[in-house]
Amino acid sequence: MARVLRRSVEPEHPRRRGGLLRCPPTSGGPDRAQYRTSPPYRSAPPAVSRPPLPAAPRTSAFAQEAAPGVAPALRTADFGTEAVHEYLVCVPSTLTAPHAADAPHVETPATAEEYAALDAALAEAFGGVFASSTQGAARLRRTRQGGGAVRFVRTPEGGCVGGASCSPPAEDTAELSGVGTRPAHRGRGIATAVTDALTGAMFAQGTNSVWLEYSGEGSRRVYERVGYRPQGTRLYLSLPPQQRP
């Protein structure tokens, strides 16, 4: 029986791990992708993010294949379907990103200025879904300090064109999230290079899998080129507005 991975899934800021993230329109392409909490890759189906509680969160998300009894229980508590999303998983044996000679050079931020530049690039990449802030830069730094990974691509002038982060591993899996590229720099392989670098970095740490949810077929094609494969679906249930705390 698969062990249960418990996570909070209340709606929150788009950068924060473990919560329901709002995506840009699906036509935005690979560099506009944002992700939502997804389950780990396992031989058994993925497990529930959070079981029903007496004081229920506004939104609950889980893999339907792993917990077929959860949705009926939540619906009894007046939760309704908010969304259903497919998630992709990459394992070491499927990581197949092409390494072109002219591929963007991916780096790890080391200074406060580099973290701030990445945060600003992601804010622009996601079209104002969130504003660049010192708190956002600090979250990126904490992700890396906590055992996750953060990568970015530098502009010729020394700024940042885009990047992403990967959460610290939990139960041998990690979440890739927030792949974003400034609009003026899209179509140059930055999303592919960053995804490849982050996924490989987590495997080098001993993580057995990395997962994500995608926004649109363009982003899916990018991740499949790197080696991500469909693994299941994620069901999001939420309380009606009048019942939310």
Protein backbone atom coordinates (compact mmCIF):
# COMPACT_ATOMS: atom_id res chain seq x y z
CA MET A 1 0.00 0.00 0.00
CA ALA A 2 1.34 3.42 -0.90
CA ARG A 3 2.26 5.63 1.98
CA VAL A 4 0.28 8.83 2.30
CA LEU A 5 2.01 12.10 1.53
CA ARG A 6 0.16 14.77 3.45
CA ARG A 7 0.27 18.37 2.26
CA SER A 8 -1.66 21.56 2.82
CA VAL A 9 -3.52 22.60 -0.29
CA GLU A 10 -5.34 25.77 0.71
CA PRO A 11 -5.26 28.49 -1.97
CA GLU A 12 -2.22 30.69 -1.52
CA HIS A 13 0.44 32.74 -3.23
CA PRO A 14 1.55 31.35 -6.62
CA ARG A 15 5.17 30.91 -5.54
CA ARG A 16 4.50 28.86 -2.45
CA ARG A 17 4.98 25.11 -2.65
CA GLY A 18 2.25 22.72 -1.64
CA GLY A 19 -0.71 24.88 -2.59
CA LEU A 20 -3.14 25.28 -5.45
CA LEU A 21 -1.42 27.47 -8.02
CA ARG A 22 -3.35 29.48 -10.58
CA CYS A 23 -2.20 28.99 -14.17
CA PRO A 24 -2.11 31.50 -17.00
CA PRO A 25 -4.28 30.67 -20.04
CA THR A 26 -3.39 27.36 -21.65
CA SER A 27 -2.43 29.13 -24.87
CA GLY A 28 0.47 30.81 -23.08
CA GLY A 29 3.07 28.23 -24.11
CA PRO A 30 5.83 26.48 -22.20
CA ASP A 31 7.43 29.55 -20.69
CA ARG A 32 4.16 30.63 -19.08
CA ALA A 33 3.62 27.37 -17.27
CA GLN A 34 2.81 27.28 -13.57
CA TYR A 35 2.13 24.15 -11.63
CA ARG A 36 -0.12 22.86 -8.95
CA THR A 37 0.60 20.38 -6.23
CA SER A 38 1.07 16.93 -7.74
CA PRO A 39 1.62 13.50 -6.22
CA PRO A 40 4.83 11.49 -6.24
CA TYR A 41 5.76 8.78 -8.69
CA ARG A 42 5.43 5.34 -7.14
CA SER A 43 4.85 1.77 -8.24
CA ALA A 44 1.51 2.11 -6.48
CA PRO A 45 -0.74 5.05 -7.44
CA PRO A 46 0.04 8.41 -5.86
CA ALA A 47 -1.49 9.19 -2.49
CA VAL A 48 -3.72 11.85 -1.03
CA SER A 49 -2.41 15.34 -0.40
CA ARG A 50 -4.59 15.89 2.61
CA PRO A 51 -7.40 13.82 4.11
CA PRO A 52 -10.75 15.34 5.05
CA LEU A 53 -10.58 17.18 8.37
CA PRO A 54 -13.33 18.49 10.66
CA ALA A 55 -12.19 22.03 9.88
CA ALA A 56 -11.76 21.45 6.15
CA PRO A 57 -9.54 23.64 3.97
CA ARG A 58 -11.18 25.59 1.18
CA THR A 59 -9.52 23.43 -1.48
CA SER A 60 -8.37 19.82 -1.42
CA ALA A 61 -6.31 18.09 -4.11
CA PHE A 62 -5.42 14.45 -4.57
CA ALA A 63 -4.70 11.73 -7.08
CA GLN A 64 -7.95 9.98 -7.85
CA GLU A 65 -6.35 6.62 -8.64
CA ALA A 66 -4.72 6.43 -5.20
CA ALA A 67 -7.71 7.41 -3.10
CA PRO A 68 -11.03 6.56 -4.77
CA GLY A 69 -12.95 7.06 -1.54
CA VAL A 70 -11.82 10.61 -0.86
CA ALA A 71 -13.91 12.42 -3.49
CA PRO A 72 -17.24 10.94 -2.28
CA ALA A 73 -16.37 11.90 1.30
CA LEU A 74 -15.54 15.48 0.33
CA ARG A 75 -18.62 15.80 -1.83
CA THR A 76 -20.69 14.79 1.18
CA ALA A 77 -19.12 17.79 2.92
CA ASP A 78 -20.31 20.04 0.04
CA PHE A 79 -17.03 20.17 -1.87
CA GLY A 80 -17.46 20.56 -5.63
CA THR A 81 -15.09 19.91 -8.53
CA GLU A 82 -12.86 22.87 -9.28
CA ALA A 83 -10.53 21.25 -11.82
CA VAL A 84 -8.99 18.00 -13.02
CA HIS A 85 -5.39 18.09 -14.21
CA GLU A 86 -2.99 15.58 -15.66
CA TYR A 87 0.46 15.41 -14.10
CA LEU A 88 3.75 14.34 -15.66
CA VAL A 89 6.62 12.49 -14.02
CA CYS A 90 10.29 12.13 -14.94
CA VAL A 91 12.55 9.40 -13.57
CA PRO A 92 16.30 9.00 -14.23
CA SER A 93 15.76 6.43 -16.98
CA THR A 94 13.51 8.79 -18.99
CA LEU A 95 15.56 11.99 -18.69
CA THR A 96 16.44 12.57 -22.34
CA ALA A 97 16.86 16.29 -22.86
CA PRO A 98 18.82 17.24 -25.99
CA HIS A 99 22.09 19.03 -25.27
CA ALA A 100 22.59 21.39 -28.19
CA ALA A 101 25.86 23.28 -28.49
CA ASP A 102 23.99 26.58 -28.45
CA ALA A 103 21.71 25.68 -25.51
CA PRO A 104 21.30 28.44 -22.90
CA HIS A 105 23.79 28.39 -20.04
CA VAL A 106 21.90 27.56 -16.83
CA GLU A 107 23.25 28.79 -13.50
CA THR A 108 22.47 28.56 -9.79
CA PRO A 109 21.81 31.92 -8.11
CA ALA A 110 24.30 32.70 -5.37
CA THR A 111 23.83 36.35 -4.43
CA ALA A 112 20.88 38.36 -3.17
CA GLU A 113 20.95 40.29 -6.45
CA GLU A 114 20.65 37.11 -8.50
CA TYR A 115 17.72 35.83 -6.46
CA ALA A 116 16.02 39.22 -6.81
CA ALA A 117 16.66 39.24 -10.57
CA LEU A 118 15.12 35.78 -10.92
CA ASP A 119 12.10 36.77 -8.86
CA ALA A 120 11.60 39.84 -11.06
CA ALA A 121 11.94 37.76 -14.24
CA LEU A 122 9.32 35.28 -13.03
CA ALA A 123 6.95 38.09 -12.07
CA GLU A 124 7.19 39.44 -15.61
CA ALA A 125 6.98 35.96 -17.15
CA PHE A 126 3.67 35.26 -15.43
CA GLY A 127 2.14 38.52 -16.55
CA GLY A 128 1.51 40.14 -13.20
CA VAL A 129 -0.01 37.15 -11.40
CA PHE A 130 2.29 38.15 -8.55
CA ALA A 131 4.58 41.11 -7.98
CA SER A 132 8.32 40.92 -7.58
CA SER A 133 9.26 41.31 -3.91
CA THR A 134 11.96 40.71 -1.36
CA GLN A 135 9.75 37.98 0.09
CA GLY A 136 9.65 36.20 -3.27
CA ALA A 137 13.42 36.30 -3.59
CA ALA A 138 13.74 35.03 -0.02
CA ARG A 139 11.41 32.12 -0.78
CA LEU A 140 13.58 31.09 -3.70
CA ARG A 141 16.67 31.20 -1.48
CA ARG A 142 14.93 29.12 1.21
CA THR A 143 13.95 26.54 -1.38
CA ARG A 144 17.58 25.96 -2.22
CA GLN A 145 18.76 26.13 1.40
CA GLY A 146 16.11 23.57 2.34
CA GLY A 147 17.41 20.96 -0.10
CA GLY A 148 15.61 21.98 -3.26
CA ALA A 149 17.13 23.52 -6.38
CA VAL A 150 16.88 26.89 -8.13
CA ARG A 151 18.21 27.68 -11.59
CA PHE A 152 18.21 30.70 -13.91
CA VAL A 153 19.55 31.88 -17.26
CA ARG A 154 21.46 35.15 -17.37
CA THR A 155 21.10 37.92 -19.94
CA PRO A 156 24.22 39.12 -21.78
CA GLU A 157 24.03 42.24 -19.61
CA GLY A 158 24.04 40.20 -16.41
CA GLY A 159 20.34 40.22 -15.59
CA CYS A 160 17.95 37.27 -15.72
CA VAL A 161 15.77 36.06 -18.61
CA GLY A 162 14.01 33.32 -16.65
CA GLY A 163 14.31 30.26 -14.48
CA ALA A 164 12.46 27.95 -12.11
CA SER A 165 12.76 25.99 -8.88
CA CYS A 166 12.33 22.47 -7.58
CA SER A 167 11.06 21.71 -4.09
CA PRO A 168 13.10 19.78 -1.52
CA PRO A 169 12.43 16.06 -2.00
CA ALA A 170 9.74 14.34 0.06
CA GLU A 171 9.39 10.55 -0.06
CA ASP A 172 11.97 10.43 -2.86
CA THR A 173 10.15 12.83 -5.15
CA ALA A 174 10.27 16.57 -5.84
CA GLU A 175 8.05 19.16 -7.53
CA LEU A 176 9.30 21.23 -10.44
CA SER A 177 7.43 24.52 -10.53
CA GLY A 178 7.28 28.05 -11.82
CA VAL A 179 9.17 27.69 -15.10
CA GLY A 180 9.04 31.19 -16.56
CA THR A 181 10.82 33.23 -19.23
CA ARG A 182 10.51 36.93 -19.96
CA PRO A 183 8.38 37.43 -23.09
CA ALA A 184 11.19 39.01 -25.12
CA HIS A 185 13.37 35.92 -24.65
CA ARG A 186 10.92 33.11 -25.39
CA GLY A 187 11.40 30.54 -28.11
CA ARG A 188 15.12 30.13 -27.41
CA GLY A 189 15.08 26.88 -25.47
CA ILE A 190 15.26 28.47 -22.02
CA ALA A 191 12.34 26.47 -20.58
CA THR A 192 13.86 23.23 -21.86
CA ALA A 193 17.33 24.02 -20.53
CA VAL A 194 16.07 25.05 -17.09
CA THR A 195 13.78 22.04 -16.80
CA ASP A 196 16.60 19.71 -17.79
CA ALA A 197 19.05 21.31 -15.34
CA LEU A 198 16.67 21.23 -12.38
CA THR A 199 15.51 17.68 -13.02
CA GLY A 200 19.08 16.45 -13.37
CA ALA A 201 20.10 18.30 -10.21
CA MET A 202 17.44 16.53 -8.18
CA PHE A 203 18.43 13.14 -9.57
CA ALA A 204 22.05 13.91 -8.66
CA GLN A 205 20.86 14.42 -5.08
CA GLY A 206 19.35 10.94 -5.09
CA THR A 207 15.70 11.85 -5.74
CA ASN A 208 13.91 9.05 -7.57
CA SER A 209 11.43 11.20 -9.49
CA VAL A 210 10.38 14.74 -10.29
CA TRP A 211 6.81 15.70 -11.15
CA LEU A 212 4.85 18.67 -12.44
CA GLU A 213 1.55 19.79 -13.89
CA TYR A 214 1.58 21.62 -17.19
CA SER A 215 -0.38 24.48 -18.73
CA GLY A 216 -1.18 23.89 -22.36
CA GLU A 217 0.05 21.54 -25.05
CA GLY A 218 3.04 23.73 -25.85
CA SER A 219 4.42 23.35 -22.35
CA ARG A 220 3.62 19.64 -22.35
CA ARG A 221 5.73 19.13 -25.47
CA VAL A 222 8.68 20.87 -23.81
CA TYR A 223 8.50 18.65 -20.74
CA GLU A 224 8.02 15.49 -22.76
CA ARG A 225 11.18 16.31 -24.72
CA VAL A 226 13.04 16.43 -21.41
CA GLY A 227 11.64 13.04 -20.42
CA TYR A 228 8.41 13.69 -18.50
CA ARG A 229 5.60 11.20 -19.04
CA PRO A 230 1.90 11.13 -18.06
CA GLN A 231 1.32 9.37 -14.75
CA GLY A 232 -2.25 10.17 -13.70
CA THR A 233 -4.74 12.90 -12.91
CA ARG A 234 -5.16 15.25 -10.02
CA LEU A 235 -8.62 16.21 -8.79
CA TYR A 236 -9.23 19.59 -7.14
CA LEU A 237 -12.31 19.97 -4.97
CA SER A 238 -13.33 23.20 -3.25
CA LEU A 239 -16.03 24.51 -0.97
CA PRO A 240 -18.61 26.89 -2.44
CA PRO A 241 -17.81 30.58 -1.69
CA GLN A 242 -20.52 30.92 0.93
CA GLN A 243 -18.98 28.14 3.02
CA ARG A 244 -15.40 29.32 2.89
CA PRO A 245 -13.87 30.65 6.11
